[in-house]
Amino acid sequence: MVENKSRPRTVVAMIRHGEKIDNTIFDRFKYDWVAHDPILTPNGCFYAREKGVNIKKHHIVEWEELVGGNFDKITVESSPYCRTMMTAANICLGMDVTEFKVNYMFSES
């Protein structure tokens, strides 16, 4: 069997959004828009950034070994909701990734 060297080395990791402002002590500051598209709490932002640091420090090397080579590029994608975009932005900060993409196919119908 001939090995296909042109195949991209891809790993997909899905992460749930960080702690959102509803259902927390910040609930008293909730406005109508928050009920439909809540933002992250400060803790939610902090832990998302820490998740990015953890991924960069521990998992990237593991995943590169799994696929048999180094990644050329790391792409972070998010659904179009405030909480998920804020999570993605903070994960990117932790990983030193400069951008993320909004994927409108990752949304509720």
N, C-alpha and C. Protein backbone atom coordinates (compact mmCIF):
# COMPACT_ATOMS: atom_id res chain seq x y z
N MET A 1 0.84 -1.18 0.00
CA MET A 1 0.00 0.00 0.00
C MET A 1 0.89 1.25 0.00
N VAL A 2 0.53 2.22 -0.82
CA VAL A 2 1.28 3.47 -0.91
C VAL A 2 0.71 4.48 0.09
N GLU A 3 1.59 5.08 0.87
CA GLU A 3 1.15 6.07 1.85
C GLU A 3 0.90 7.40 1.15
N ASN A 4 -0.21 8.02 1.46
CA ASN A 4 -0.57 9.32 0.87
C ASN A 4 0.03 10.43 1.73
N LYS A 5 1.17 10.98 1.27
CA LYS A 5 1.87 12.02 2.04
C LYS A 5 1.20 13.38 1.90
N SER A 6 0.32 13.55 0.91
CA SER A 6 -0.31 14.85 0.70
C SER A 6 -1.54 15.06 1.58
N ARG A 7 -1.97 14.01 2.26
CA ARG A 7 -3.15 14.13 3.12
C ARG A 7 -2.87 15.08 4.28
N PRO A 8 -3.75 16.04 4.51
CA PRO A 8 -3.51 16.96 5.64
C PRO A 8 -3.54 16.24 6.97
N ARG A 9 -2.72 16.70 7.87
CA ARG A 9 -2.71 16.17 9.23
C ARG A 9 -3.71 16.97 10.03
N THR A 10 -4.81 16.34 10.39
CA THR A 10 -5.91 17.06 11.03
C THR A 10 -6.35 16.37 12.30
N VAL A 11 -6.56 17.17 13.33
CA VAL A 11 -7.17 16.72 14.57
C VAL A 11 -8.30 17.70 14.86
N VAL A 12 -9.46 17.19 15.19
CA VAL A 12 -10.59 18.04 15.55
C VAL A 12 -10.85 17.85 17.03
N ALA A 13 -10.86 18.94 17.77
CA ALA A 13 -11.17 18.91 19.20
C ALA A 13 -12.34 19.86 19.43
N MET A 14 -13.36 19.39 20.10
CA MET A 14 -14.52 20.24 20.39
C MET A 14 -14.52 20.57 21.87
N ILE A 15 -14.76 21.83 22.16
CA ILE A 15 -14.76 22.30 23.54
C ILE A 15 -16.05 23.09 23.77
N ARG A 16 -16.68 22.82 24.87
CA ARG A 16 -17.89 23.56 25.23
C ARG A 16 -17.51 24.95 25.70
N HIS A 17 -18.40 25.90 25.54
CA HIS A 17 -18.13 27.28 25.95
C HIS A 17 -17.90 27.37 27.45
N GLY A 18 -17.28 28.48 27.85
CA GLY A 18 -17.01 28.74 29.26
C GLY A 18 -18.27 29.13 30.02
N GLU A 19 -18.09 29.40 31.31
CA GLU A 19 -19.21 29.76 32.18
C GLU A 19 -19.86 31.04 31.66
N LYS A 20 -21.16 30.95 31.37
CA LYS A 20 -21.87 32.13 30.86
C LYS A 20 -22.54 32.88 32.00
N ILE A 21 -22.85 34.14 31.72
CA ILE A 21 -23.29 35.06 32.76
C ILE A 21 -24.66 34.70 33.34
N ASP A 22 -25.54 34.07 32.57
CA ASP A 22 -26.81 33.65 33.18
C ASP A 22 -26.52 32.45 34.08
N ASN A 23 -27.38 32.17 34.97
CA ASN A 23 -27.21 31.08 35.94
C ASN A 23 -26.06 31.32 36.91
N THR A 24 -25.64 32.56 37.09
CA THR A 24 -24.57 32.88 38.03
C THR A 24 -25.02 34.04 38.90
N ILE A 25 -24.14 34.47 39.77
CA ILE A 25 -24.43 35.62 40.63
C ILE A 25 -24.64 36.88 39.80
N PHE A 26 -24.10 36.90 38.58
CA PHE A 26 -24.24 38.05 37.70
C PHE A 26 -25.64 38.15 37.10
N ASP A 27 -26.47 37.18 37.40
CA ASP A 27 -27.83 37.13 36.84
C ASP A 27 -28.59 38.43 37.07
N ARG A 28 -28.32 39.12 38.18
CA ARG A 28 -29.05 40.35 38.47
C ARG A 28 -28.73 41.47 37.47
N PHE A 29 -27.62 41.33 36.72
CA PHE A 29 -27.25 42.33 35.72
C PHE A 29 -27.77 41.98 34.33
N LYS A 30 -28.54 40.91 34.26
CA LYS A 30 -28.98 40.39 32.97
C LYS A 30 -29.92 41.36 32.27
N TYR A 31 -29.69 41.55 30.99
CA TYR A 31 -30.58 42.33 30.13
C TYR A 31 -31.27 41.36 29.18
N ASP A 32 -32.22 41.83 28.42
CA ASP A 32 -32.94 40.95 27.49
C ASP A 32 -32.01 40.22 26.54
N TRP A 33 -30.99 40.93 26.00
CA TRP A 33 -30.10 40.28 25.04
C TRP A 33 -29.30 39.16 25.67
N VAL A 34 -29.00 39.27 26.95
CA VAL A 34 -28.22 38.25 27.63
C VAL A 34 -29.00 36.94 27.71
N ALA A 35 -30.31 37.03 27.86
CA ALA A 35 -31.12 35.83 27.97
C ALA A 35 -31.03 34.99 26.70
N HIS A 36 -30.83 35.64 25.57
CA HIS A 36 -30.78 34.91 24.29
C HIS A 36 -29.36 34.60 23.85
N ASP A 37 -28.41 35.41 24.25
CA ASP A 37 -27.02 35.23 23.83
C ASP A 37 -26.09 35.73 24.94
N PRO A 38 -26.02 34.99 26.04
CA PRO A 38 -25.25 35.46 27.20
C PRO A 38 -23.75 35.49 26.94
N ILE A 39 -23.08 36.45 27.58
CA ILE A 39 -21.63 36.55 27.50
C ILE A 39 -21.01 35.66 28.58
N LEU A 40 -19.68 35.56 28.56
CA LEU A 40 -18.98 34.79 29.59
C LEU A 40 -18.77 35.63 30.84
N THR A 41 -18.69 34.95 31.96
CA THR A 41 -18.29 35.60 33.21
C THR A 41 -16.77 35.81 33.16
N PRO A 42 -16.23 36.62 34.06
CA PRO A 42 -14.76 36.72 34.14
C PRO A 42 -14.10 35.36 34.36
N ASN A 43 -14.72 34.51 35.19
CA ASN A 43 -14.18 33.15 35.38
C ASN A 43 -14.22 32.35 34.08
N GLY A 44 -15.30 32.50 33.33
CA GLY A 44 -15.41 31.80 32.05
C GLY A 44 -14.29 32.18 31.11
N CYS A 45 -13.95 33.47 31.06
CA CYS A 45 -12.85 33.96 30.22
C CYS A 45 -11.51 33.41 30.72
N PHE A 46 -11.31 33.46 32.03
CA PHE A 46 -10.06 32.98 32.61
C PHE A 46 -9.83 31.50 32.30
N TYR A 47 -10.84 30.69 32.55
CA TYR A 47 -10.67 29.24 32.34
C TYR A 47 -10.54 28.88 30.87
N ALA A 48 -11.16 29.63 29.99
CA ALA A 48 -10.98 29.39 28.55
C ALA A 48 -9.53 29.68 28.15
N ARG A 49 -8.98 30.78 28.65
CA ARG A 49 -7.59 31.12 28.37
C ARG A 49 -6.67 30.03 28.92
N GLU A 50 -6.95 29.57 30.13
CA GLU A 50 -6.16 28.48 30.72
C GLU A 50 -6.26 27.20 29.90
N LYS A 51 -7.44 26.93 29.35
CA LYS A 51 -7.61 25.76 28.48
C LYS A 51 -6.70 25.88 27.26
N GLY A 52 -6.61 27.08 26.69
CA GLY A 52 -5.71 27.30 25.56
C GLY A 52 -4.26 27.04 25.92
N VAL A 53 -3.84 27.53 27.09
CA VAL A 53 -2.47 27.28 27.56
C VAL A 53 -2.25 25.78 27.72
N ASN A 54 -3.21 25.09 28.31
CA ASN A 54 -3.10 23.65 28.53
C ASN A 54 -3.02 22.89 27.21
N ILE A 55 -3.84 23.27 26.25
CA ILE A 55 -3.80 22.61 24.94
C ILE A 55 -2.43 22.79 24.31
N LYS A 56 -1.93 24.02 24.31
CA LYS A 56 -0.63 24.30 23.70
C LYS A 56 0.49 23.53 24.40
N LYS A 57 0.44 23.52 25.71
CA LYS A 57 1.52 22.94 26.50
C LYS A 57 1.52 21.41 26.48
N HIS A 58 0.34 20.81 26.48
CA HIS A 58 0.27 19.36 26.67
C HIS A 58 -0.29 18.58 25.48
N HIS A 59 -1.27 19.11 24.80
CA HIS A 59 -1.98 18.30 23.81
C HIS A 59 -1.46 18.42 22.39
N ILE A 60 -0.94 19.57 22.00
CA ILE A 60 -0.47 19.73 20.62
C ILE A 60 0.59 18.69 20.29
N VAL A 61 1.58 18.53 21.16
CA VAL A 61 2.64 17.54 20.92
C VAL A 61 2.06 16.14 20.82
N GLU A 62 1.14 15.82 21.71
CA GLU A 62 0.48 14.50 21.71
C GLU A 62 -0.26 14.27 20.39
N TRP A 63 -0.99 15.28 19.93
CA TRP A 63 -1.76 15.14 18.68
C TRP A 63 -0.84 15.07 17.46
N GLU A 64 0.27 15.81 17.49
CA GLU A 64 1.21 15.73 16.37
C GLU A 64 1.83 14.34 16.28
N GLU A 65 2.11 13.74 17.42
CA GLU A 65 2.61 12.37 17.42
C GLU A 65 1.56 11.41 16.86
N LEU A 66 0.31 11.66 17.21
CA LEU A 66 -0.79 10.81 16.75
C LEU A 66 -0.91 10.82 15.23
N VAL A 67 -0.75 12.00 14.61
CA VAL A 67 -0.90 12.09 13.15
C VAL A 67 0.42 11.90 12.42
N GLY A 68 1.52 11.80 13.16
CA GLY A 68 2.80 11.51 12.55
C GLY A 68 3.52 12.70 11.95
N GLY A 69 3.33 13.87 12.49
CA GLY A 69 4.05 15.05 12.00
C GLY A 69 3.52 16.32 12.62
N ASN A 70 4.23 17.41 12.35
CA ASN A 70 3.84 18.69 12.91
C ASN A 70 2.70 19.32 12.13
N PHE A 71 1.88 20.08 12.82
CA PHE A 71 0.81 20.81 12.17
C PHE A 71 1.38 22.03 11.46
N ASP A 72 0.90 22.30 10.26
CA ASP A 72 1.30 23.51 9.55
C ASP A 72 0.54 24.71 10.09
N LYS A 73 -0.68 24.46 10.53
CA LYS A 73 -1.55 25.55 10.96
C LYS A 73 -2.53 25.03 12.00
N ILE A 74 -2.87 25.88 12.95
CA ILE A 74 -3.90 25.56 13.93
C ILE A 74 -5.08 26.50 13.65
N THR A 75 -6.24 25.92 13.42
CA THR A 75 -7.44 26.70 13.14
C THR A 75 -8.43 26.51 14.28
N VAL A 76 -8.92 27.61 14.80
CA VAL A 76 -9.93 27.58 15.85
C VAL A 76 -11.21 28.12 15.22
N GLU A 77 -12.31 27.39 15.39
CA GLU A 77 -13.59 27.82 14.87
C GLU A 77 -14.60 27.91 16.00
N SER A 78 -15.57 28.78 15.81
CA SER A 78 -16.59 29.01 16.83
C SER A 78 -17.95 29.16 16.17
N SER A 79 -18.98 28.81 16.91
CA SER A 79 -20.33 29.14 16.46
C SER A 79 -20.52 30.64 16.65
N PRO A 80 -21.58 31.23 16.09
CA PRO A 80 -21.75 32.69 16.10
C PRO A 80 -22.41 33.27 17.35
N TYR A 81 -22.22 32.65 18.49
CA TYR A 81 -22.82 33.15 19.72
C TYR A 81 -21.75 33.84 20.57
N CYS A 82 -22.15 34.86 21.32
CA CYS A 82 -21.20 35.62 22.15
C CYS A 82 -20.37 34.70 23.03
N ARG A 83 -21.03 33.80 23.75
CA ARG A 83 -20.31 32.94 24.70
C ARG A 83 -19.29 32.06 24.01
N THR A 84 -19.61 31.57 22.80
CA THR A 84 -18.67 30.68 22.10
C THR A 84 -17.54 31.48 21.45
N MET A 85 -17.85 32.67 20.94
CA MET A 85 -16.80 33.50 20.35
C MET A 85 -15.85 34.01 21.43
N MET A 86 -16.39 34.35 22.61
CA MET A 86 -15.53 34.77 23.71
C MET A 86 -14.66 33.61 24.19
N THR A 87 -15.22 32.41 24.22
CA THR A 87 -14.44 31.23 24.59
C THR A 87 -13.33 31.00 23.57
N ALA A 88 -13.65 31.04 22.30
CA ALA A 88 -12.65 30.83 21.25
C ALA A 88 -11.55 31.89 21.31
N ALA A 89 -11.93 33.15 21.52
CA ALA A 89 -10.94 34.23 21.59
C ALA A 89 -9.98 34.00 22.75
N ASN A 90 -10.50 33.59 23.89
CA ASN A 90 -9.64 33.36 25.05
C ASN A 90 -8.78 32.11 24.89
N ILE A 91 -9.31 31.07 24.26
CA ILE A 91 -8.50 29.89 23.97
C ILE A 91 -7.36 30.29 23.04
N CYS A 92 -7.66 31.09 22.03
CA CYS A 92 -6.62 31.57 21.11
C CYS A 92 -5.53 32.35 21.86
N LEU A 93 -5.95 33.21 22.79
CA LEU A 93 -4.97 33.95 23.60
C LEU A 93 -4.03 32.99 24.33
N GLY A 94 -4.60 31.96 24.92
CA GLY A 94 -3.80 30.99 25.65
C GLY A 94 -2.88 30.17 24.77
N MET A 95 -3.27 29.96 23.52
CA MET A 95 -2.47 29.16 22.59
C MET A 95 -1.54 30.01 21.73
N ASP A 96 -1.61 31.33 21.85
CA ASP A 96 -0.86 32.24 20.98
C ASP A 96 -1.27 32.09 19.52
N VAL A 97 -2.55 31.85 19.30
CA VAL A 97 -3.12 31.80 17.95
C VAL A 97 -3.75 33.17 17.72
N THR A 98 -3.51 33.76 16.56
CA THR A 98 -3.89 35.15 16.34
C THR A 98 -5.31 35.38 15.84
N GLU A 99 -6.01 34.32 15.45
CA GLU A 99 -7.38 34.52 14.95
C GLU A 99 -8.20 33.25 15.08
N PHE A 100 -9.51 33.43 15.02
CA PHE A 100 -10.41 32.28 14.92
C PHE A 100 -11.47 32.60 13.89
N LYS A 101 -12.10 31.55 13.39
CA LYS A 101 -13.14 31.71 12.38
C LYS A 101 -14.50 31.47 13.01
N VAL A 102 -15.48 32.22 12.54
CA VAL A 102 -16.87 32.00 12.95
C VAL A 102 -17.49 31.10 11.89
N ASN A 103 -18.01 29.97 12.32
CA ASN A 103 -18.63 29.01 11.42
C ASN A 103 -20.13 29.03 11.68
N TYR A 104 -20.88 29.59 10.75
CA TYR A 104 -22.33 29.73 10.93
C TYR A 104 -23.08 28.41 10.81
N MET A 105 -22.38 27.37 10.41
CA MET A 105 -23.00 26.04 10.37
C MET A 105 -23.04 25.43 11.77
N PHE A 106 -22.25 25.98 12.69
CA PHE A 106 -22.27 25.54 14.09
C PHE A 106 -23.27 26.36 14.86
N SER A 107 -24.53 26.22 14.57
CA SER A 107 -25.53 27.02 15.28
C SER A 107 -26.80 26.22 15.45
N GLU A 108 -27.61 26.70 16.37
CA GLU A 108 -28.90 26.06 16.61
C GLU A 108 -29.88 26.47 15.52
N SER A 109 -30.80 25.58 15.21
CA SER A 109 -31.76 25.92 14.16
C SER A 109 -33.02 26.53 14.75
